[in-house]
All heavy atoms as atom14 arrays in JSON, in Angstrom:
{
  "sequence": "KIHDEQLGRLGFWRLTGRYFATWLSTIILFIGFFMIG",
  "atom14_mask": [
    [1, 1, 1, 1, 1, 1, 1, 1, 1, 0, 0, 0, 0, 0],
    [1, 1, 1, 1, 1, 1, 1, 1, 0, 0, 0, 0, 0, 0],
    [1, 1, 1, 1, 1, 1, 1, 1, 1, 1, 0, 0, 0, 0],
    [1, 1, 1, 1, 1, 1, 1, 1, 0, 0, 0, 0, 0, 0],
    [1, 1, 1, 1, 1, 1, 1, 1, 1, 0, 0, 0, 0, 0],
    [1, 1, 1, 1, 1, 1, 1, 1, 1, 0, 0, 0, 0, 0],
    [1, 1, 1, 1, 1, 1, 1, 1, 0, 0, 0, 0, 0, 0],
    [1, 1, 1, 1, 0, 0, 0, 0, 0, 0, 0, 0, 0, 0],
    [1, 1, 1, 1, 1, 1, 1, 1, 1, 1, 1, 0, 0, 0],
    [1, 1, 1, 1, 1, 1, 1, 1, 0, 0, 0, 0, 0, 0],
    [1, 1, 1, 1, 0, 0, 0, 0, 0, 0, 0, 0, 0, 0],
    [1, 1, 1, 1, 1, 1, 1, 1, 1, 1, 1, 0, 0, 0],
    [1, 1, 1, 1, 1, 1, 1, 1, 1, 1, 1, 1, 1, 1],
    [1, 1, 1, 1, 1, 1, 1, 1, 1, 1, 1, 0, 0, 0],
    [1, 1, 1, 1, 1, 1, 1, 1, 0, 0, 0, 0, 0, 0],
    [1, 1, 1, 1, 1, 1, 1, 0, 0, 0, 0, 0, 0, 0],
    [1, 1, 1, 1, 0, 0, 0, 0, 0, 0, 0, 0, 0, 0],
    [1, 1, 1, 1, 1, 1, 1, 1, 1, 1, 1, 0, 0, 0],
    [1, 1, 1, 1, 1, 1, 1, 1, 1, 1, 1, 1, 0, 0],
    [1, 1, 1, 1, 1, 1, 1, 1, 1, 1, 1, 0, 0, 0],
    [1, 1, 1, 1, 1, 0, 0, 0, 0, 0, 0, 0, 0, 0],
    [1, 1, 1, 1, 1, 1, 1, 0, 0, 0, 0, 0, 0, 0],
    [1, 1, 1, 1, 1, 1, 1, 1, 1, 1, 1, 1, 1, 1],
    [1, 1, 1, 1, 1, 1, 1, 1, 0, 0, 0, 0, 0, 0],
    [1, 1, 1, 1, 1, 1, 0, 0, 0, 0, 0, 0, 0, 0],
    [1, 1, 1, 1, 1, 1, 1, 0, 0, 0, 0, 0, 0, 0],
    [1, 1, 1, 1, 1, 1, 1, 1, 0, 0, 0, 0, 0, 0],
    [1, 1, 1, 1, 1, 1, 1, 1, 0, 0, 0, 0, 0, 0],
    [1, 1, 1, 1, 1, 1, 1, 1, 0, 0, 0, 0, 0, 0],
    [1, 1, 1, 1, 1, 1, 1, 1, 1, 1, 1, 0, 0, 0],
    [1, 1, 1, 1, 1, 1, 1, 1, 0, 0, 0, 0, 0, 0],
    [1, 1, 1, 1, 0, 0, 0, 0, 0, 0, 0, 0, 0, 0],
    [1, 1, 1, 1, 1, 1, 1, 1, 1, 1, 1, 0, 0, 0],
    [1, 1, 1, 1, 1, 1, 1, 1, 1, 1, 1, 0, 0, 0],
    [1, 1, 1, 1, 1, 1, 1, 1, 0, 0, 0, 0, 0, 0],
    [1, 1, 1, 1, 1, 1, 1, 1, 0, 0, 0, 0, 0, 0],
    [1, 1, 1, 1, 0, 0, 0, 0, 0, 0, 0, 0, 0, 0]
  ],
  "atom14_positions": [
    [[-148.57, -63.47, 78.12], [-149.25, -63.61, 79.4], [-149.07, -65.03, 79.9], [-148.97, -65.97, 79.11], [-150.74, -63.31, 79.26], [-151.06, -61.87, 79.0], [-152.55, -61.66, 78.98], [-152.87, -60.2, 78.74], [-154.32, -59.96, 78.72], [0.0, 0.0, 0.0], [0.0, 0.0, 0.0], [0.0, 0.0, 0.0], [0.0, 0.0, 0.0], [0.0, 0.0, 0.0]],
    [[-149.06, -65.19, 81.22], [-148.94, -66.51, 81.82], [-150.29, -66.91, 82.42], [-151.0, -66.07, 82.98], [-147.81, -66.54, 82.88], [-147.57, -67.96, 83.36], [-148.11, -65.6, 84.02], [-146.3, -68.11, 84.18], [0.0, 0.0, 0.0], [0.0, 0.0, 0.0], [0.0, 0.0, 0.0], [0.0, 0.0, 0.0], [0.0, 0.0, 0.0], [0.0, 0.0, 0.0]],
    [[-150.64, -68.19, 82.25], [-151.95, -68.69, 82.7], [-151.79, -70.06, 83.34], [-150.78, -70.74, 83.13], [-152.9, -68.87, 81.5], [-153.0, -67.71, 80.59], [-153.79, -66.62, 80.84], [-152.39, -67.47, 79.41], [-153.68, -65.75, 79.85], [-152.84, -66.24, 78.97], [0.0, 0.0, 0.0], [0.0, 0.0, 0.0], [0.0, 0.0, 0.0], [0.0, 0.0, 0.0]],
    [[-152.85, -70.49, 84.01], [-152.92, -71.88, 84.43], [-153.47, -72.7, 83.26], [-153.71, -72.16, 82.17], [-153.74, -72.05, 85.71], [-155.22, -71.72, 85.54], [-155.66, -71.43, 84.41], [-155.94, -71.77, 86.55], [0.0, 0.0, 0.0], [0.0, 0.0, 0.0], [0.0, 0.0, 0.0], [0.0, 0.0, 0.0], [0.0, 0.0, 0.0], [0.0, 0.0, 0.0]],
    [[-153.71, -73.97, 83.47], [-154.15, -74.83, 82.36], [-155.55, -74.51, 81.86], [-155.92, -74.88, 80.76], [-154.02, -76.3, 82.72], [-154.85, -76.77, 83.91], [-154.13, -76.66, 85.23], [-154.05, -75.54, 85.77], [-153.67, -77.68, 85.74], [0.0, 0.0, 0.0], [0.0, 0.0, 0.0], [0.0, 0.0, 0.0], [0.0, 0.0, 0.0], [0.0, 0.0, 0.0]],
    [[-156.32, -73.76, 82.63], [-157.67, -73.36, 82.21], [-157.7, -71.9, 81.75], [-158.76, -71.29, 81.68], [-158.65, -73.55, 83.37], [-158.82, -75.0, 83.78], [-159.48, -75.81, 82.69], [-160.52, -75.42, 82.16], [-158.87, -76.92, 82.32], [0.0, 0.0, 0.0], [0.0, 0.0, 0.0], [0.0, 0.0, 0.0], [0.0, 0.0, 0.0], [0.0, 0.0, 0.0]],
    [[-156.53, -71.33, 81.46], [-156.34, -69.95, 81.04], [-156.76, -68.95, 82.12], [-157.14, -67.82, 81.83], [-157.06, -69.65, 79.72], [-156.63, -70.51, 78.53], [-157.46, -70.18, 77.31], [-155.15, -70.34, 78.25], [0.0, 0.0, 0.0], [0.0, 0.0, 0.0], [0.0, 0.0, 0.0], [0.0, 0.0, 0.0], [0.0, 0.0, 0.0], [0.0, 0.0, 0.0]],
    [[-156.69, -69.37, 83.36], [-157.01, -68.5, 84.49], [-155.78, -67.85, 85.07], [-154.64, -68.16, 84.7], [0.0, 0.0, 0.0], [0.0, 0.0, 0.0], [0.0, 0.0, 0.0], [0.0, 0.0, 0.0], [0.0, 0.0, 0.0], [0.0, 0.0, 0.0], [0.0, 0.0, 0.0], [0.0, 0.0, 0.0], [0.0, 0.0, 0.0], [0.0, 0.0, 0.0]],
    [[-156.03, -66.95, 85.99], [-154.95, -66.22, 86.65], [-154.3, -67.11, 87.69], [-154.96, -67.89, 88.37], [-155.55, -64.98, 87.3], [-154.56, -64.02, 87.84], [-155.28, -62.73, 88.21], [-154.63, -62.16, 89.36], [-155.16, -61.25, 90.13], [-156.37, -60.8, 89.88], [-154.51, -60.76, 91.14], [0.0, 0.0, 0.0], [0.0, 0.0, 0.0], [0.0, 0.0, 0.0]],
    [[-152.99, -66.98, 87.82], [-152.22, -67.8, 88.76], [-152.07, -67.1, 90.09], [-152.01, -65.88, 90.16], [-150.83, -68.09, 88.18], [-150.85, -68.97, 86.93], [-149.57, -68.81, 86.16], [-151.07, -70.4, 87.32], [0.0, 0.0, 0.0], [0.0, 0.0, 0.0], [0.0, 0.0, 0.0], [0.0, 0.0, 0.0], [0.0, 0.0, 0.0], [0.0, 0.0, 0.0]],
    [[-151.96, -67.89, 91.14], [-151.78, -67.36, 92.48], [-150.31, -67.2, 92.85], [-149.41, -67.73, 92.19], [0.0, 0.0, 0.0], [0.0, 0.0, 0.0], [0.0, 0.0, 0.0], [0.0, 0.0, 0.0], [0.0, 0.0, 0.0], [0.0, 0.0, 0.0], [0.0, 0.0, 0.0], [0.0, 0.0, 0.0], [0.0, 0.0, 0.0], [0.0, 0.0, 0.0]],
    [[-150.09, -66.48, 93.93], [-148.74, -66.18, 94.42], [-147.94, -67.45, 94.7], [-146.8, -67.57, 94.29], [-148.84, -65.31, 95.68], [-147.51, -64.92, 96.26], [-146.84, -63.82, 95.78], [-146.94, -65.66, 97.28], [-145.62, -63.46, 96.31], [-145.72, -65.31, 97.82], [-145.05, -64.2, 97.33], [0.0, 0.0, 0.0], [0.0, 0.0, 0.0], [0.0, 0.0, 0.0]],
    [[-148.53, -68.41, 95.41], [-147.79, -69.6, 95.83], [-147.48, -70.54, 94.66], [-146.42, -71.17, 94.63], [-148.51, -70.31, 96.96], [-148.51, -69.46, 98.19], [-149.58, -68.86, 98.77], [-147.36, -69.08, 98.96], [-149.16, -68.13, 99.85], [-147.81, -68.24, 100.0], [-146.0, -69.35, 98.87], [-146.96, -67.69, 100.94], [-145.15, -68.8, 99.81], [-145.62, -67.98, 100.83]],
    [[-148.39, -70.64, 93.73], [-148.13, -71.48, 92.55], [-146.99, -70.89, 91.74], [-146.12, -71.61, 91.25], [-149.39, -71.59, 91.71], [-149.27, -72.58, 90.59], [-150.64, -72.79, 89.99], [-150.65, -73.78, 88.97], [-151.74, -74.22, 88.41], [-152.92, -73.77, 88.8], [-151.7, -75.12, 87.46], [0.0, 0.0, 0.0], [0.0, 0.0, 0.0], [0.0, 0.0, 0.0]],
    [[-146.98, -69.58, 91.59], [-145.9, -68.93, 90.86], [-144.59, -68.99, 91.65], [-143.51, -69.02, 91.06], [-146.27, -67.5, 90.51], [-147.27, -67.39, 89.38], [-147.87, -66.0, 89.29], [-146.63, -67.78, 88.05], [0.0, 0.0, 0.0], [0.0, 0.0, 0.0], [0.0, 0.0, 0.0], [0.0, 0.0, 0.0], [0.0, 0.0, 0.0], [0.0, 0.0, 0.0]],
    [[-144.68, -69.03, 92.97], [-143.47, -69.2, 93.77], [-142.86, -70.58, 93.5], [-141.65, -70.71, 93.31], [-143.78, -69.03, 95.27], [-144.2, -67.69, 95.49], [-142.58, -69.35, 96.14], [0.0, 0.0, 0.0], [0.0, 0.0, 0.0], [0.0, 0.0, 0.0], [0.0, 0.0, 0.0], [0.0, 0.0, 0.0], [0.0, 0.0, 0.0], [0.0, 0.0, 0.0]],
    [[-143.7, -71.6, 93.46], [-143.21, -72.93, 93.11], [-142.61, -72.97, 91.72], [-141.57, -73.58, 91.5], [0.0, 0.0, 0.0], [0.0, 0.0, 0.0], [0.0, 0.0, 0.0], [0.0, 0.0, 0.0], [0.0, 0.0, 0.0], [0.0, 0.0, 0.0], [0.0, 0.0, 0.0], [0.0, 0.0, 0.0], [0.0, 0.0, 0.0], [0.0, 0.0, 0.0]],
    [[-143.24, -72.29, 90.77], [-142.71, -72.21, 89.41], [-141.37, -71.5, 89.39], [-140.44, -71.89, 88.69], [-143.7, -71.49, 88.49], [-143.23, -71.43, 87.06], [-144.17, -70.58, 86.2], [-143.66, -70.48, 84.86], [-142.72, -69.6, 84.49], [-142.23, -68.75, 85.36], [-142.28, -69.58, 83.26], [0.0, 0.0, 0.0], [0.0, 0.0, 0.0], [0.0, 0.0, 0.0]],
    [[-141.26, -70.43, 90.17], [-140.0, -69.67, 90.23], [-138.85, -70.57, 90.69], [-137.78, -70.57, 90.11], [-140.15, -68.47, 91.17], [-138.9, -67.66, 91.32], [-138.54, -66.71, 90.36], [-138.04, -67.83, 92.41], [-137.39, -65.98, 90.48], [-136.9, -67.09, 92.53], [-136.57, -66.16, 91.57], [-135.41, -65.43, 91.7], [0.0, 0.0, 0.0], [0.0, 0.0, 0.0]],
    [[-139.1, -71.34, 91.75], [-138.05, -72.24, 92.23], [-137.81, -73.4, 91.28], [-136.71, -73.93, 91.2], [-138.38, -72.72, 93.64], [-138.15, -71.68, 94.68], [-139.2, -70.98, 95.22], [-136.87, -71.38, 95.1], [-139.0, -70.0, 96.17], [-136.64, -70.4, 96.06], [-137.71, -69.7, 96.58], [0.0, 0.0, 0.0], [0.0, 0.0, 0.0], [0.0, 0.0, 0.0]],
    [[-138.82, -73.8, 90.53], [-138.64, -74.87, 89.55], [-137.76, -74.4, 88.39], [-137.15, -75.23, 87.71], [-139.99, -75.35, 89.03], [0.0, 0.0, 0.0], [0.0, 0.0, 0.0], [0.0, 0.0, 0.0], [0.0, 0.0, 0.0], [0.0, 0.0, 0.0], [0.0, 0.0, 0.0], [0.0, 0.0, 0.0], [0.0, 0.0, 0.0], [0.0, 0.0, 0.0]],
    [[-137.68, -73.09, 88.15], [-136.78, -72.61, 87.1], [-135.33, -72.9, 87.45], [-134.5, -73.06, 86.56], [-136.95, -71.09, 86.82], [-136.72, -70.37, 88.02], [-138.32, -70.79, 86.28], [0.0, 0.0, 0.0], [0.0, 0.0, 0.0], [0.0, 0.0, 0.0], [0.0, 0.0, 0.0], [0.0, 0.0, 0.0], [0.0, 0.0, 0.0], [0.0, 0.0, 0.0]],
    [[-135.03, -73.01, 88.75], [-133.68, -73.39, 89.15], [-133.37, -74.8, 88.66], [-132.25, -75.07, 88.23], [-133.53, -73.32, 90.67], [-133.55, -71.94, 91.21], [-134.6, -71.3, 91.81], [-132.49, -70.99, 91.18], [-134.24, -70.03, 92.15], [-132.95, -69.81, 91.78], [-131.18, -71.03, 90.71], [-132.15, -68.68, 91.93], [-130.39, -69.9, 90.86], [-130.89, -68.75, 91.46]],
    [[-134.34, -75.68, 88.71], [-134.14, -77.03, 88.21], [-133.88, -77.01, 86.7], [-132.99, -77.7, 86.21], [-135.34, -77.92, 88.53], [-135.27, -79.36, 88.06], [-134.12, -80.09, 88.74], [-136.58, -80.08, 88.33], [0.0, 0.0, 0.0], [0.0, 0.0, 0.0], [0.0, 0.0, 0.0], [0.0, 0.0, 0.0], [0.0, 0.0, 0.0], [0.0, 0.0, 0.0]],
    [[-134.65, -76.2, 85.98], [-134.43, -76.07, 84.53], [-133.03, -75.53, 84.24], [-132.45, -75.84, 83.21], [-135.47, -75.13, 83.91], [-136.74, -75.71, 83.95], [0.0, 0.0, 0.0], [0.0, 0.0, 0.0], [0.0, 0.0, 0.0], [0.0, 0.0, 0.0], [0.0, 0.0, 0.0], [0.0, 0.0, 0.0], [0.0, 0.0, 0.0], [0.0, 0.0, 0.0]],
    [[-132.5, -74.73, 85.14], [-131.18, -74.13, 84.95], [-130.07, -75.11, 85.27], [-129.11, -75.23, 84.5], [-131.04, -72.88, 85.84], [-132.09, -71.97, 85.53], [-129.7, -72.2, 85.63], [0.0, 0.0, 0.0], [0.0, 0.0, 0.0], [0.0, 0.0, 0.0], [0.0, 0.0, 0.0], [0.0, 0.0, 0.0], [0.0, 0.0, 0.0], [0.0, 0.0, 0.0]],
    [[-130.17, -75.81, 86.39], [-129.04, -76.64, 86.83], [-128.86, -77.9, 85.98], [-127.81, -78.53, 86.07], [-129.12, -77.01, 88.33], [-130.34, -77.85, 88.64], [-129.05, -75.79, 89.18], [-130.4, -78.37, 90.07], [0.0, 0.0, 0.0], [0.0, 0.0, 0.0], [0.0, 0.0, 0.0], [0.0, 0.0, 0.0], [0.0, 0.0, 0.0], [0.0, 0.0, 0.0]],
    [[-129.83, -78.24, 85.16], [-129.64, -79.37, 84.25], [-129.25, -78.86, 82.86], [-129.78, -79.28, 81.84], [-130.87, -80.29, 84.2], [-132.12, -79.53, 83.79], [-131.07, -81.01, 85.52], [-133.31, -80.41, 83.5], [0.0, 0.0, 0.0], [0.0, 0.0, 0.0], [0.0, 0.0, 0.0], [0.0, 0.0, 0.0], [0.0, 0.0, 0.0], [0.0, 0.0, 0.0]],
    [[-128.31, -77.91, 82.87], [-127.71, -77.35, 81.64], [-128.74, -76.67, 80.74], [-128.68, -76.78, 79.52], [-126.95, -78.43, 80.87], [-125.87, -79.16, 81.67], [-125.29, -80.31, 80.87], [-124.79, -78.21, 82.12], [0.0, 0.0, 0.0], [0.0, 0.0, 0.0], [0.0, 0.0, 0.0], [0.0, 0.0, 0.0], [0.0, 0.0, 0.0], [0.0, 0.0, 0.0]],
    [[-129.7, -76.01, 81.33], [-130.73, -75.24, 80.63], [-131.65, -76.09, 79.75], [-132.4, -75.55, 78.94], [-130.1, -74.11, 79.81], [-129.35, -73.12, 80.64], [-127.97, -73.21, 80.8], [-130.02, -72.1, 81.29], [-127.29, -72.29, 81.57], [-129.35, -71.19, 82.07], [-127.96, -71.28, 82.22], [0.0, 0.0, 0.0], [0.0, 0.0, 0.0], [0.0, 0.0, 0.0]],
    [[-131.6, -77.4, 79.91], [-132.45, -78.27, 79.11], [-133.92, -77.97, 79.35], [-134.74, -78.02, 78.44], [-132.12, -79.76, 79.38], [-130.72, -80.07, 78.86], [-133.15, -80.69, 78.77], [-130.19, -81.43, 79.25], [0.0, 0.0, 0.0], [0.0, 0.0, 0.0], [0.0, 0.0, 0.0], [0.0, 0.0, 0.0], [0.0, 0.0, 0.0], [0.0, 0.0, 0.0]],
    [[-134.27, -77.63, 80.6], [-135.65, -77.29, 80.92], [-136.16, -76.1, 80.13], [-137.35, -76.01, 79.83], [0.0, 0.0, 0.0], [0.0, 0.0, 0.0], [0.0, 0.0, 0.0], [0.0, 0.0, 0.0], [0.0, 0.0, 0.0], [0.0, 0.0, 0.0], [0.0, 0.0, 0.0], [0.0, 0.0, 0.0], [0.0, 0.0, 0.0], [0.0, 0.0, 0.0]],
    [[-135.27, -75.18, 79.77], [-135.67, -74.03, 78.96], [-135.74, -74.39, 77.47], [-136.62, -73.93, 76.76], [-134.7, -72.86, 79.16], [-134.75, -72.28, 80.53], [-133.72, -72.49, 81.42], [-135.84, -71.53, 80.95], [-133.74, -71.96, 82.7], [-135.89, -70.98, 82.22], [-134.84, -71.21, 83.1], [0.0, 0.0, 0.0], [0.0, 0.0, 0.0], [0.0, 0.0, 0.0]],
    [[-134.81, -75.21, 77.02], [-134.8, -75.6, 75.61], [-136.0, -76.47, 75.25], [-136.37, -76.55, 74.08], [-133.49, -76.31, 75.25], [-132.3, -75.41, 75.29], [-131.21, -75.71, 76.08], [-132.27, -74.24, 74.56], [-130.1, -74.88, 76.13], [-131.17, -73.39, 74.6], [-130.09, -73.72, 75.39], [0.0, 0.0, 0.0], [0.0, 0.0, 0.0], [0.0, 0.0, 0.0]],
    [[-136.62, -77.07, 76.25], [-137.84, -77.85, 76.0], [-138.95, -76.99, 75.42], [-139.82, -77.49, 74.71], [-138.34, -78.47, 77.32], [-137.51, -79.62, 77.83], [-138.04, -80.19, 79.47], [-139.75, -80.53, 79.21], [0.0, 0.0, 0.0], [0.0, 0.0, 0.0], [0.0, 0.0, 0.0], [0.0, 0.0, 0.0], [0.0, 0.0, 0.0], [0.0, 0.0, 0.0]],
    [[-138.91, -75.69, 75.71], [-139.94, -74.77, 75.21], [-140.01, -74.82, 73.69], [-141.09, -74.76, 73.1], [-139.67, -73.33, 75.7], [-139.76, -73.26, 77.22], [-140.62, -72.34, 75.06], [-139.22, -71.98, 77.82], [0.0, 0.0, 0.0], [0.0, 0.0, 0.0], [0.0, 0.0, 0.0], [0.0, 0.0, 0.0], [0.0, 0.0, 0.0], [0.0, 0.0, 0.0]],
    [[-138.87, -74.96, 73.04], [-138.83, -74.97, 71.59], [-139.43, -76.21, 70.94], [-139.83, -76.17, 69.78], [0.0, 0.0, 0.0], [0.0, 0.0, 0.0], [0.0, 0.0, 0.0], [0.0, 0.0, 0.0], [0.0, 0.0, 0.0], [0.0, 0.0, 0.0], [0.0, 0.0, 0.0], [0.0, 0.0, 0.0], [0.0, 0.0, 0.0], [0.0, 0.0, 0.0]]
  ]
}
């Protein structure tokens, strides 16, 4: 499950910003995703 920092439900616009931020994680050679580990 995905949450905000207070373990609450996320809104549409915040998740839209997160969705576009995944592009940044992608274009820097997936380093943004490898940070998860």
